[in-house]
């Protein structure tokens, strides 16, 4: 992992937030200059992510610290497996412990969850996508964790892609008696096409809306909360009449149903829970 300037700044801010004036407990209990070792241990099986960030945390505190990682990001790790060894000033090791483990837990939790979804759809053409449902200021790291788990990043910022969602459509009053207005949605898509070459994605909620939008040839159509039977019918319609349009399924995707969704023939499956509610992977640091 290449640590960007923004990530280095984030690490420093995180250390400042955690330490404050000083780590008073460690300073009052651990003699200055006392040397030792700490071992980072995985407490659960999963997919590792964030090891370089953990290393940088200790190095930021003390350049003399030795940090030896036994696994790289993306590696499968087992319960009770040793992940890294930190050697040097014990005050540094104890002060950096929690922050390093917090980043490892969060990012490895995301990469582990992503890997499970990716494994479920293996053998199909569907790609697992993340969303913008991320933690403010941590988006780039969380999306890195998704990639580490084998997923694919959707747009990272609002200027990197066009996604016309239901609220855009409602705000522009493109609905008449609850039904999509053909002329208005056509005018919106044509306006976008005349002003940019960026790929256009439109969200729809019914098969009828899909047909109206597809006639205007956007690049991608998102099928939001479609039932599986309707998903299958819509993909069949796309294959027959609009083969150049890509389809993204979204909403209500779980490990239990993602394989069925993928087998319906969609190109992408976006899953907000990868980043908005990841289960942290547990790690510990033991002084030895």
C-alpha atoms as a PDB file:
ATOM      1  CA  UNK A   1       0.000   0.000   0.000  1.00  0.00           C
ATOM      2  CA  UNK A   2       1.327   3.421  -0.963  1.00  0.00           C
ATOM      3  CA  UNK A   3       0.622   5.855   1.856  1.00  0.00           C
ATOM      4  CA  UNK A   4      -0.558   9.126   0.359  1.00  0.00           C
ATOM      5  CA  UNK A   5       0.080  12.548   1.861  1.00  0.00           C
ATOM      6  CA  UNK A   6      -3.562  12.604   2.973  1.00  0.00           C
ATOM      7  CA  UNK A   7      -3.161   9.275   4.777  1.00  0.00           C
ATOM      8  CA  UNK A   8      -0.011  10.449   6.560  1.00  0.00           C
ATOM      9  CA  UNK A   9      -1.840  13.579   7.715  1.00  0.00           C
ATOM     10  CA  UNK A  10      -4.750  11.424   8.904  1.00  0.00           C
ATOM     11  CA  UNK A  11      -2.376   9.214  10.912  1.00  0.00           C
ATOM     12  CA  UNK A  12      -0.822  12.256  12.593  1.00  0.00           C
ATOM     13  CA  UNK A  13      -4.235  13.736  13.406  1.00  0.00           C
ATOM     14  CA  UNK A  14      -5.373  10.399  14.803  1.00  0.00           C
ATOM     15  CA  UNK A  15      -2.324  10.193  17.032  1.00  0.00           C
ATOM     16  CA  UNK A  16      -2.852  13.761  18.217  1.00  0.00           C
ATOM     17  CA  UNK A  17      -6.483  12.971  19.021  1.00  0.00           C
ATOM     18  CA  UNK A  18      -5.603   9.797  20.936  1.00  0.00           C
ATOM     19  CA  UNK A  19      -2.547  10.967  22.854  1.00  0.00           C
ATOM     20  CA  UNK A  20      -3.354  14.578  23.609  1.00  0.00           C
ATOM     21  CA  UNK A  21      -0.564  16.080  25.746  1.00  0.00           C
ATOM     22  CA  UNK A  22       0.938  12.667  26.499  1.00  0.00           C
ATOM     23  CA  UNK A  23       0.151   9.035  27.309  1.00  0.00           C
ATOM     24  CA  UNK A  24       0.129   9.671  31.040  1.00  0.00           C
ATOM     25  CA  UNK A  25      -0.350   6.035  32.093  1.00  0.00           C
ATOM     26  CA  UNK A  26       2.575   4.753  30.063  1.00  0.00           C
ATOM     27  CA  UNK A  27       4.844   7.630  31.073  1.00  0.00           C
ATOM     28  CA  UNK A  28       4.159   7.039  34.781  1.00  0.00           C
ATOM     29  CA  UNK A  29       4.553   3.253  34.685  1.00  0.00           C
ATOM     30  CA  UNK A  30       7.126   2.407  32.014  1.00  0.00           C
ATOM     31  CA  UNK A  31      10.731   3.586  32.564  1.00  0.00           C
ATOM     32  CA  UNK A  32      12.067   5.849  29.829  1.00  0.00           C
ATOM     33  CA  UNK A  33      14.264   3.930  27.409  1.00  0.00           C
ATOM     34  CA  UNK A  34      13.003   0.462  28.416  1.00  0.00           C
ATOM     35  CA  UNK A  35      13.145  -1.850  25.381  1.00  0.00           C
ATOM     36  CA  UNK A  36      10.928  -4.778  24.494  1.00  0.00           C
ATOM     37  CA  UNK A  37       8.789  -6.504  21.885  1.00  0.00           C
ATOM     38  CA  UNK A  38       5.128  -6.647  21.007  1.00  0.00           C
ATOM     39  CA  UNK A  39       3.355  -9.170  18.762  1.00  0.00           C
ATOM     40  CA  UNK A  40       0.181  -8.330  16.826  1.00  0.00           C
ATOM     41  CA  UNK A  41      -2.081 -11.377  16.779  1.00  0.00           C
ATOM     42  CA  UNK A  42      -5.237 -12.028  14.779  1.00  0.00           C
ATOM     43  CA  UNK A  43      -8.087 -13.121  17.021  1.00  0.00           C
ATOM     44  CA  UNK A  44     -10.282 -14.118  14.075  1.00  0.00           C
ATOM     45  CA  UNK A  45      -9.923 -15.606  10.605  1.00  0.00           C
ATOM     46  CA  UNK A  46     -10.172 -13.080   7.798  1.00  0.00           C
ATOM     47  CA  UNK A  47      -8.503 -10.974   5.108  1.00  0.00           C
ATOM     48  CA  UNK A  48      -5.767  -8.643   6.332  1.00  0.00           C
ATOM     49  CA  UNK A  49      -5.830  -4.936   5.498  1.00  0.00           C
ATOM     50  CA  UNK A  50      -4.017  -1.941   6.997  1.00  0.00           C
ATOM     51  CA  UNK A  51      -0.685  -3.446   7.987  1.00  0.00           C
ATOM     52  CA  UNK A  52       1.301  -0.575   6.425  1.00  0.00           C
ATOM     53  CA  UNK A  53      -0.817   1.938   8.307  1.00  0.00           C
ATOM     54  CA  UNK A  54      -0.106   0.114  11.555  1.00  0.00           C
ATOM     55  CA  UNK A  55       3.601   0.241  10.765  1.00  0.00           C
ATOM     56  CA  UNK A  56       3.472   3.962   9.968  1.00  0.00           C
ATOM     57  CA  UNK A  57       1.747   4.706  13.276  1.00  0.00           C
ATOM     58  CA  UNK A  58       4.662   3.279  15.253  1.00  0.00           C
ATOM     59  CA  UNK A  59       7.241   4.835  12.914  1.00  0.00           C
ATOM     60  CA  UNK A  60       5.586   8.246  13.256  1.00  0.00           C
ATOM     61  CA  UNK A  61       5.954   7.965  17.024  1.00  0.00           C
ATOM     62  CA  UNK A  62       9.536   6.696  16.872  1.00  0.00           C
ATOM     63  CA  UNK A  63      11.685   6.181  13.774  1.00  0.00           C
ATOM     64  CA  UNK A  64      13.892   3.781  15.764  1.00  0.00           C
ATOM     65  CA  UNK A  65      11.072   1.264  16.123  1.00  0.00           C
ATOM     66  CA  UNK A  66      11.490  -1.982  14.169  1.00  0.00           C
ATOM     67  CA  UNK A  67       8.248  -3.215  12.623  1.00  0.00           C
ATOM     68  CA  UNK A  68       8.369  -6.619  10.923  1.00  0.00           C
ATOM     69  CA  UNK A  69       5.159  -7.764   9.237  1.00  0.00           C
ATOM     70  CA  UNK A  70       4.625 -11.451   8.552  1.00  0.00           C
ATOM     71  CA  UNK A  71       1.662 -10.907   6.221  1.00  0.00           C
ATOM     72  CA  UNK A  72       0.780  -8.420   3.481  1.00  0.00           C
ATOM     73  CA  UNK A  73      -2.546  -6.729   2.840  1.00  0.00           C
ATOM     74  CA  UNK A  74      -4.919  -9.114   1.084  1.00  0.00           C
ATOM     75  CA  UNK A  75      -3.455 -12.188   2.772  1.00  0.00           C
ATOM     76  CA  UNK A  76      -5.766 -14.684   4.419  1.00  0.00           C
ATOM     77  CA  UNK A  77      -5.092 -14.887   8.137  1.00  0.00           C
ATOM     78  CA  UNK A  78      -6.078 -17.492  10.690  1.00  0.00           C
ATOM     79  CA  UNK A  79      -7.232 -17.164  14.281  1.00  0.00           C
ATOM     80  CA  UNK A  80      -4.294 -16.768  16.701  1.00  0.00           C
ATOM     81  CA  UNK A  81      -1.855 -16.170  13.825  1.00  0.00           C
ATOM     82  CA  UNK A  82       1.010 -13.739  14.447  1.00  0.00           C
ATOM     83  CA  UNK A  83       0.764 -10.816  12.031  1.00  0.00           C
ATOM     84  CA  UNK A  84       3.666  -8.560  12.984  1.00  0.00           C
ATOM     85  CA  UNK A  85       6.438  -8.020  15.518  1.00  0.00           C
ATOM     86  CA  UNK A  86       7.330  -4.585  16.899  1.00  0.00           C
ATOM     87  CA  UNK A  87      10.687  -4.140  18.610  1.00  0.00           C
ATOM     88  CA  UNK A  88      12.006  -1.080  20.423  1.00  0.00           C
ATOM     89  CA  UNK A  89      10.992   1.448  23.047  1.00  0.00           C
ATOM     90  CA  UNK A  90       8.118   0.004  25.088  1.00  0.00           C
ATOM     91  CA  UNK A  91       6.614   3.427  25.685  1.00  0.00           C
ATOM     92  CA  UNK A  92       6.225   3.816  21.913  1.00  0.00           C
ATOM     93  CA  UNK A  93       4.750   0.342  21.473  1.00  0.00           C
ATOM     94  CA  UNK A  94       2.182   0.821  24.238  1.00  0.00           C
ATOM     95  CA  UNK A  95       1.230   4.328  23.119  1.00  0.00           C
ATOM     96  CA  UNK A  96       0.666   3.314  19.494  1.00  0.00           C
ATOM     97  CA  UNK A  97      -1.013   0.004  20.287  1.00  0.00           C
ATOM     98  CA  UNK A  98      -4.684   0.957  20.268  1.00  0.00           C
ATOM     99  CA  UNK A  99      -4.621   3.230  17.233  1.00  0.00           C
ATOM    100  CA  UNK A 100      -2.756   0.639  15.158  1.00  0.00           C
ATOM    101  CA  UNK A 101      -5.212  -2.080  16.156  1.00  0.00           C
ATOM    102  CA  UNK A 102      -8.201   0.182  15.471  1.00  0.00           C
ATOM    103  CA  UNK A 103      -7.129   0.762  11.878  1.00  0.00           C
ATOM    104  CA  UNK A 104      -6.325  -2.931  11.392  1.00  0.00           C
ATOM    105  CA  UNK A 105      -9.687  -3.973  12.819  1.00  0.00           C
ATOM    106  CA  UNK A 106     -11.744  -1.562  10.721  1.00  0.00           C
ATOM    107  CA  UNK A 107      -9.986  -2.097   7.409  1.00  0.00           C
ATOM    108  CA  UNK A 108      -9.582  -5.861   7.805  1.00  0.00           C
ATOM    109  CA  UNK A 109     -13.260  -6.082   8.689  1.00  0.00           C
ATOM    110  CA  UNK A 110     -14.147  -4.378   5.400  1.00  0.00           C
ATOM    111  CA  UNK A 111     -11.760  -6.486   3.318  1.00  0.00           C
ATOM    112  CA  UNK A 112     -12.974  -9.679   5.007  1.00  0.00           C
ATOM    113  CA  UNK A 113     -16.632  -8.884   4.350  1.00  0.00           C
ATOM    114  CA  UNK A 114     -15.868  -7.917   0.751  1.00  0.00           C
ATOM    115  CA  UNK A 115     -13.946 -11.155   0.172  1.00  0.00           C
ATOM    116  CA  UNK A 116     -16.948 -13.177   1.354  1.00  0.00           C
ATOM    117  CA  UNK A 117     -19.220 -11.458  -1.170  1.00  0.00           C
ATOM    118  CA  UNK A 118     -16.647 -11.789  -3.950  1.00  0.00           C
ATOM    119  CA  UNK A 119     -16.273 -15.500  -3.239  1.00  0.00           C
ATOM    120  CA  UNK A 120     -20.042 -15.953  -3.387  1.00  0.00           C
ATOM    121  CA  UNK A 121     -20.299 -14.558  -6.935  1.00  0.00           C
ATOM    122  CA  UNK A 122     -17.180 -16.278  -8.252  1.00  0.00           C
ATOM    123  CA  UNK A 123     -17.918 -17.941 -11.583  1.00  0.00           C
ATOM    124  CA  UNK A 124     -20.406 -15.252 -12.626  1.00  0.00           C
ATOM    125  CA  UNK A 125     -19.699 -12.019 -14.499  1.00  0.00           C
ATOM    126  CA  UNK A 126     -20.929  -9.822 -11.646  1.00  0.00           C
ATOM    127  CA  UNK A 127     -18.529  -7.476  -9.880  1.00  0.00           C
ATOM    128  CA  UNK A 128     -19.004  -6.442  -6.262  1.00  0.00           C
ATOM    129  CA  UNK A 129     -19.069  -2.644  -5.868  1.00  0.00           C
ATOM    130  CA  UNK A 130     -18.821  -0.388  -2.860  1.00  0.00           C
ATOM    131  CA  UNK A 131     -20.788   2.862  -2.468  1.00  0.00           C
ATOM    132  CA  UNK A 132     -20.320   6.358  -1.022  1.00  0.00           C
ATOM    133  CA  UNK A 133     -21.752   5.163   2.300  1.00  0.00           C
ATOM    134  CA  UNK A 134     -18.405   5.626   3.973  1.00  0.00           C
ATOM    135  CA  UNK A 135     -17.004   7.208   7.125  1.00  0.00           C
ATOM    136  CA  UNK A 136     -16.195  10.902   6.543  1.00  0.00           C
ATOM    137  CA  UNK A 137     -12.426  11.419   6.053  1.00  0.00           C
ATOM    138  CA  UNK A 138     -11.847   7.630   5.867  1.00  0.00           C
ATOM    139  CA  UNK A 139     -13.345   6.996   2.432  1.00  0.00           C
ATOM    140  CA  UNK A 140     -10.093   6.415   0.559  1.00  0.00           C
ATOM    141  CA  UNK A 141      -8.918   3.903   3.170  1.00  0.00           C
ATOM    142  CA  UNK A 142     -12.267   2.113   3.298  1.00  0.00           C
ATOM    143  CA  UNK A 143     -12.401   1.871  -0.478  1.00  0.00           C
ATOM    144  CA  UNK A 144      -8.812   0.587  -0.455  1.00  0.00           C
ATOM    145  CA  UNK A 145     -10.005  -2.118   1.935  1.00  0.00           C
ATOM    146  CA  UNK A 146     -12.780  -3.053  -0.500  1.00  0.00           C
ATOM    147  CA  UNK A 147     -10.212  -3.451  -3.293  1.00  0.00           C
ATOM    148  CA  UNK A 148      -7.990  -5.462  -0.962  1.00  0.00           C
ATOM    149  CA  UNK A 149     -10.907  -7.860  -0.463  1.00  0.00           C
ATOM    150  CA  UNK A 150     -11.327  -8.268  -4.227  1.00  0.00           C
ATOM    151  CA  UNK A 151     -14.129  -5.761  -4.729  1.00  0.00           C
ATOM    152  CA  UNK A 152     -14.384  -2.913  -7.219  1.00  0.00           C
ATOM    153  CA  UNK A 153     -14.642   0.768  -6.327  1.00  0.00           C
ATOM    154  CA  UNK A 154     -17.652   2.747  -7.498  1.00  0.00           C
ATOM    155  CA  UNK A 155     -17.105   6.505  -7.861  1.00  0.00           C
ATOM    156  CA  UNK A 156     -15.117   7.906  -4.943  1.00  0.00           C
ATOM    157  CA  UNK A 157     -16.341  11.486  -5.195  1.00  0.00           C
ATOM    158  CA  UNK A 158     -19.313  13.285  -6.690  1.00  0.00           C
ATOM    159  CA  UNK A 159     -17.195  14.613  -9.561  1.00  0.00           C
ATOM    160  CA  UNK A 160     -15.974  11.167 -10.652  1.00  0.00           C
ATOM    161  CA  UNK A 161     -19.253   9.864 -12.000  1.00  0.00           C
ATOM    162  CA  UNK A 162     -22.844  10.758 -12.784  1.00  0.00           C
ATOM    163  CA  UNK A 163     -25.521   8.873 -10.868  1.00  0.00           C
ATOM    164  CA  UNK A 164     -29.050  10.221 -11.218  1.00  0.00           C
ATOM    165  CA  UNK A 165     -30.885   8.813  -8.214  1.00  0.00           C
ATOM    166  CA  UNK A 166     -34.546   8.782  -7.209  1.00  0.00           C
ATOM    167  CA  UNK A 167     -34.243  12.042  -5.286  1.00  0.00           C
ATOM    168  CA  UNK A 168     -32.804  13.823  -8.336  1.00  0.00           C
ATOM    169  CA  UNK A 169     -35.793  12.584 -10.309  1.00  0.00           C
ATOM    170  CA  UNK A 170     -38.226  13.691  -7.590  1.00  0.00           C
ATOM    171  CA  UNK A 171     -36.536  17.075  -7.191  1.00  0.00           C
ATOM    172  CA  UNK A 172     -36.880  17.726 -10.917  1.00  0.00           C
ATOM    173  CA  UNK A 173     -40.519  16.641 -10.795  1.00  0.00           C
ATOM    174  CA  UNK A 174     -39.992  13.908 -13.366  1.00  0.00           C
ATOM    175  CA  UNK A 175     -42.848  11.866 -11.925  1.00  0.00           C
ATOM    176  CA  UNK A 176     -46.473  12.227 -12.986  1.00  0.00           C
ATOM    177  CA  UNK A 177     -48.901  10.357 -10.744  1.00  0.00           C
ATOM    178  CA  UNK A 178     -45.962   8.279  -9.550  1.00  0.00           C
ATOM    179  CA  UNK A 179     -44.858   7.342 -13.059  1.00  0.00           C
ATOM    180  CA  UNK A 180     -41.667   8.432 -14.805  1.00  0.00           C
ATOM    181  CA  UNK A 181     -42.202  11.216 -17.347  1.00  0.00           C
ATOM    182  CA  UNK A 182     -40.626  10.094 -20.635  1.00  0.00           C
ATOM    183  CA  UNK A 183     -40.030  13.590 -22.001  1.00  0.00           C
ATOM    184  CA  UNK A 184     -38.509  14.999 -18.826  1.00  0.00           C
ATOM    185  CA  UNK A 185     -36.118  12.118 -18.200  1.00  0.00           C
ATOM    186  CA  UNK A 186     -35.093  12.181 -21.873  1.00  0.00           C
ATOM    187  CA  UNK A 187     -34.359  15.915 -21.623  1.00  0.00           C
ATOM    188  CA  UNK A 188     -32.225  15.358 -18.505  1.00  0.00           C
ATOM    189  CA  UNK A 189     -30.168  12.588 -20.078  1.00  0.00           C
ATOM    190  CA  UNK A 190     -29.669  14.574 -23.291  1.00  0.00           C
ATOM    191  CA  UNK A 191     -28.555  17.604 -21.274  1.00  0.00           C
ATOM    192  CA  UNK A 192     -25.995  15.509 -19.425  1.00  0.00           C
ATOM    193  CA  UNK A 193     -24.695  13.962 -22.645  1.00  0.00           C
ATOM    194  CA  UNK A 194     -24.291  17.376 -24.267  1.00  0.00           C
ATOM    195  CA  UNK A 195     -22.243  18.700 -21.348  1.00  0.00           C
ATOM    196  CA  UNK A 196     -19.920  15.830 -20.437  1.00  0.00           C
ATOM    197  CA  UNK A 197     -18.439  12.572 -21.670  1.00  0.00           C
ATOM    198  CA  UNK A 198     -18.533  11.020 -18.199  1.00  0.00           C
ATOM    199  CA  UNK A 199     -20.459   7.758 -17.982  1.00  0.00           C
ATOM    200  CA  UNK A 200     -24.095   8.195 -17.023  1.00  0.00           C
ATOM    201  CA  UNK A 201     -25.913   5.967 -14.553  1.00  0.00           C
ATOM    202  CA  UNK A 202     -29.634   6.256 -13.783  1.00  0.00           C
ATOM    203  CA  UNK A 203     -31.497   4.634 -10.909  1.00  0.00           C
ATOM    204  CA  UNK A 204     -34.884   3.012 -11.567  1.00  0.00           C
ATOM    205  CA  UNK A 205     -37.357   1.202  -9.334  1.00  0.00           C
ATOM    206  CA  UNK A 206     -39.562  -0.707 -11.805  1.00  0.00           C
ATOM    207  CA  UNK A 207     -39.355  -2.579 -15.097  1.00  0.00           C
ATOM    208  CA  UNK A 208     -41.443   0.170 -16.748  1.00  0.00           C
ATOM    209  CA  UNK A 209     -38.952   2.822 -15.598  1.00  0.00           C
ATOM    210  CA  UNK A 210     -36.091   0.695 -16.887  1.00  0.00           C
ATOM    211  CA  UNK A 211     -37.564   0.633 -20.403  1.00  0.00           C
ATOM    212  CA  UNK A 212     -38.148   4.409 -20.431  1.00  0.00           C
ATOM    213  CA  UNK A 213     -34.587   5.123 -19.292  1.00  0.00           C
ATOM    214  CA  UNK A 214     -33.016   2.460 -21.524  1.00  0.00           C
ATOM    215  CA  UNK A 215     -34.527   4.080 -24.614  1.00  0.00           C
ATOM    216  CA  UNK A 216     -32.282   7.090 -23.891  1.00  0.00           C
ATOM    217  CA  UNK A 217     -29.154   4.900 -23.825  1.00  0.00           C
ATOM    218  CA  UNK A 218     -27.351   5.744 -20.599  1.00  0.00           C
ATOM    219  CA  UNK A 219     -24.219   3.744 -19.837  1.00  0.00           C
ATOM    220  CA  UNK A 220     -25.519   2.029 -16.696  1.00  0.00           C
ATOM    221  CA  UNK A 221     -28.940   1.524 -15.142  1.00  0.00           C
ATOM    222  CA  UNK A 222     -29.225   0.756 -11.438  1.00  0.00           C
ATOM    223  CA  UNK A 223     -32.071  -1.537 -10.465  1.00  0.00           C
ATOM    224  CA  UNK A 224     -32.947  -0.520  -6.919  1.00  0.00           C
ATOM    225  CA  UNK A 225     -34.606  -3.093  -4.650  1.00  0.00           C
ATOM    226  CA  UNK A 226     -35.892  -5.262  -7.485  1.00  0.00           C
ATOM    227  CA  UNK A 227     -37.296  -8.648  -6.542  1.00  0.00           C
ATOM    228  CA  UNK A 228     -35.338 -11.547  -7.993  1.00  0.00           C
ATOM    229  CA  UNK A 229     -38.032 -12.436 -10.583  1.00  0.00           C
ATOM    230  CA  UNK A 230     -38.193  -8.809 -11.762  1.00  0.00           C
ATOM    231  CA  UNK A 231     -34.415  -8.666 -11.836  1.00  0.00           C
ATOM    232  CA  UNK A 232     -34.290 -11.704 -14.103  1.00  0.00           C
ATOM    233  CA  UNK A 233     -36.977 -10.286 -16.417  1.00  0.00           C
ATOM    234  CA  UNK A 234     -35.211  -6.925 -16.650  1.00  0.00           C
ATOM    235  CA  UNK A 235     -31.866  -8.494 -17.491  1.00  0.00           C
ATOM    236  CA  UNK A 236     -33.557 -10.580 -20.189  1.00  0.00           C
ATOM    237  CA  UNK A 237     -35.102  -7.406 -21.605  1.00  0.00           C
ATOM    238  CA  UNK A 238     -31.703  -5.707 -21.565  1.00  0.00           C
ATOM    239  CA  UNK A 239     -30.049  -8.628 -23.324  1.00  0.00           C
ATOM    240  CA  UNK A 240     -32.676  -8.640 -26.048  1.00  0.00           C
ATOM    241  CA  UNK A 241     -33.219  -4.930 -26.657  1.00  0.00           C
ATOM    242  CA  UNK A 242     -30.423  -2.891 -25.042  1.00  0.00           C
ATOM    243  CA  UNK A 243     -27.265  -5.076 -25.044  1.00  0.00           C
ATOM    244  CA  UNK A 244     -24.852  -2.147 -24.648  1.00  0.00           C
ATOM    245  CA  UNK A 245     -26.335  -0.955 -21.359  1.00  0.00           C
ATOM    246  CA  UNK A 246     -24.771  -2.267 -18.154  1.00  0.00           C
ATOM    247  CA  UNK A 247     -26.955  -3.211 -15.203  1.00  0.00           C
ATOM    248  CA  UNK A 248     -26.219  -2.666 -11.532  1.00  0.00           C
ATOM    249  CA  UNK A 249     -28.316  -4.314  -8.819  1.00  0.00           C
ATOM    250  CA  UNK A 250     -28.630  -2.533  -5.489  1.00  0.00           C
ATOM    251  CA  UNK A 251     -30.609  -2.755  -2.274  1.00  0.00           C
ATOM    252  CA  UNK A 252     -31.197  -5.636   0.083  1.00  0.00           C
ATOM    253  CA  UNK A 253     -28.145  -7.606  -1.010  1.00  0.00           C
ATOM    254  CA  UNK A 254     -26.915 -10.151   1.540  1.00  0.00           C
ATOM    255  CA  UNK A 255     -24.581 -13.123   1.576  1.00  0.00           C
ATOM    256  CA  UNK A 256     -27.665 -15.319   1.373  1.00  0.00           C
ATOM    257  CA  UNK A 257     -29.032 -13.862  -1.859  1.00  0.00           C
ATOM    258  CA  UNK A 258     -26.030 -12.329  -3.636  1.00  0.00           C
ATOM    259  CA  UNK A 259     -25.290 -15.465  -5.665  1.00  0.00           C
ATOM    260  CA  UNK A 260     -28.850 -15.583  -6.996  1.00  0.00           C
ATOM    261  CA  UNK A 261     -28.633 -11.905  -7.903  1.00  0.00           C
ATOM    262  CA  UNK A 262     -25.351 -12.509  -9.723  1.00  0.00           C
ATOM    263  CA  UNK A 263     -26.794 -15.502 -11.604  1.00  0.00           C
ATOM    264  CA  UNK A 264     -29.570 -13.239 -12.889  1.00  0.00           C
ATOM    265  CA  UNK A 265     -26.895 -11.764 -15.154  1.00  0.00           C
ATOM    266  CA  UNK A 266     -26.289  -8.308 -13.723  1.00  0.00           C
ATOM    267  CA  UNK A 267     -22.933  -6.676 -14.376  1.00  0.00           C
ATOM    268  CA  UNK A 268     -22.508  -5.045 -10.963  1.00  0.00           C
ATOM    269  CA  UNK A 269     -23.828  -5.542  -7.457  1.00  0.00           C
ATOM    270  CA  UNK A 270     -23.409  -2.547  -5.140  1.00  0.00           C
ATOM    271  CA  UNK A 271     -23.414  -3.194  -1.407  1.00  0.00           C
ATOM    272  CA  UNK A 272     -23.483  -0.289   1.035  1.00  0.00           C
ATOM    273  CA  UNK A 273     -22.945  -2.455   4.111  1.00  0.00           C
ATOM    274  CA  UNK A 274     -19.361  -3.145   3.061  1.00  0.00           C
ATOM    275  CA  UNK A 275     -18.414   0.270   4.400  1.00  0.00           C
ATOM    276  CA  UNK A 276     -21.383   1.692   6.305  1.00  0.00           C
ATOM    277  CA  UNK A 277     -21.656  -1.128   8.845  1.00  0.00           C
ATOM    278  CA  UNK A 278     -18.617  -3.407   8.681  1.00  0.00           C
ATOM    279  CA  UNK A 279     -17.946  -5.901  11.452  1.00  0.00           C
ATOM    280  CA  UNK A 280     -14.471  -5.200  12.789  1.00  0.00           C
ATOM    281  CA  UNK A 281     -11.930  -8.016  12.724  1.00  0.00           C
ATOM    282  CA  UNK A 282     -10.406  -8.516  16.155  1.00  0.00           C
ATOM    283  CA  UNK A 283      -6.649  -8.140  16.775  1.00  0.00           C
ATOM    284  CA  UNK A 284      -4.557  -7.919  19.907  1.00  0.00           C
ATOM    285  CA  UNK A 285      -1.035  -6.771  20.732  1.00  0.00           C
ATOM    286  CA  UNK A 286       0.825  -8.806  23.336  1.00  0.00           C
ATOM    287  CA  UNK A 287       4.044  -7.657  24.987  1.00  0.00           C
ATOM    288  CA  UNK A 288       6.486 -10.593  25.045  1.00  0.00           C
END
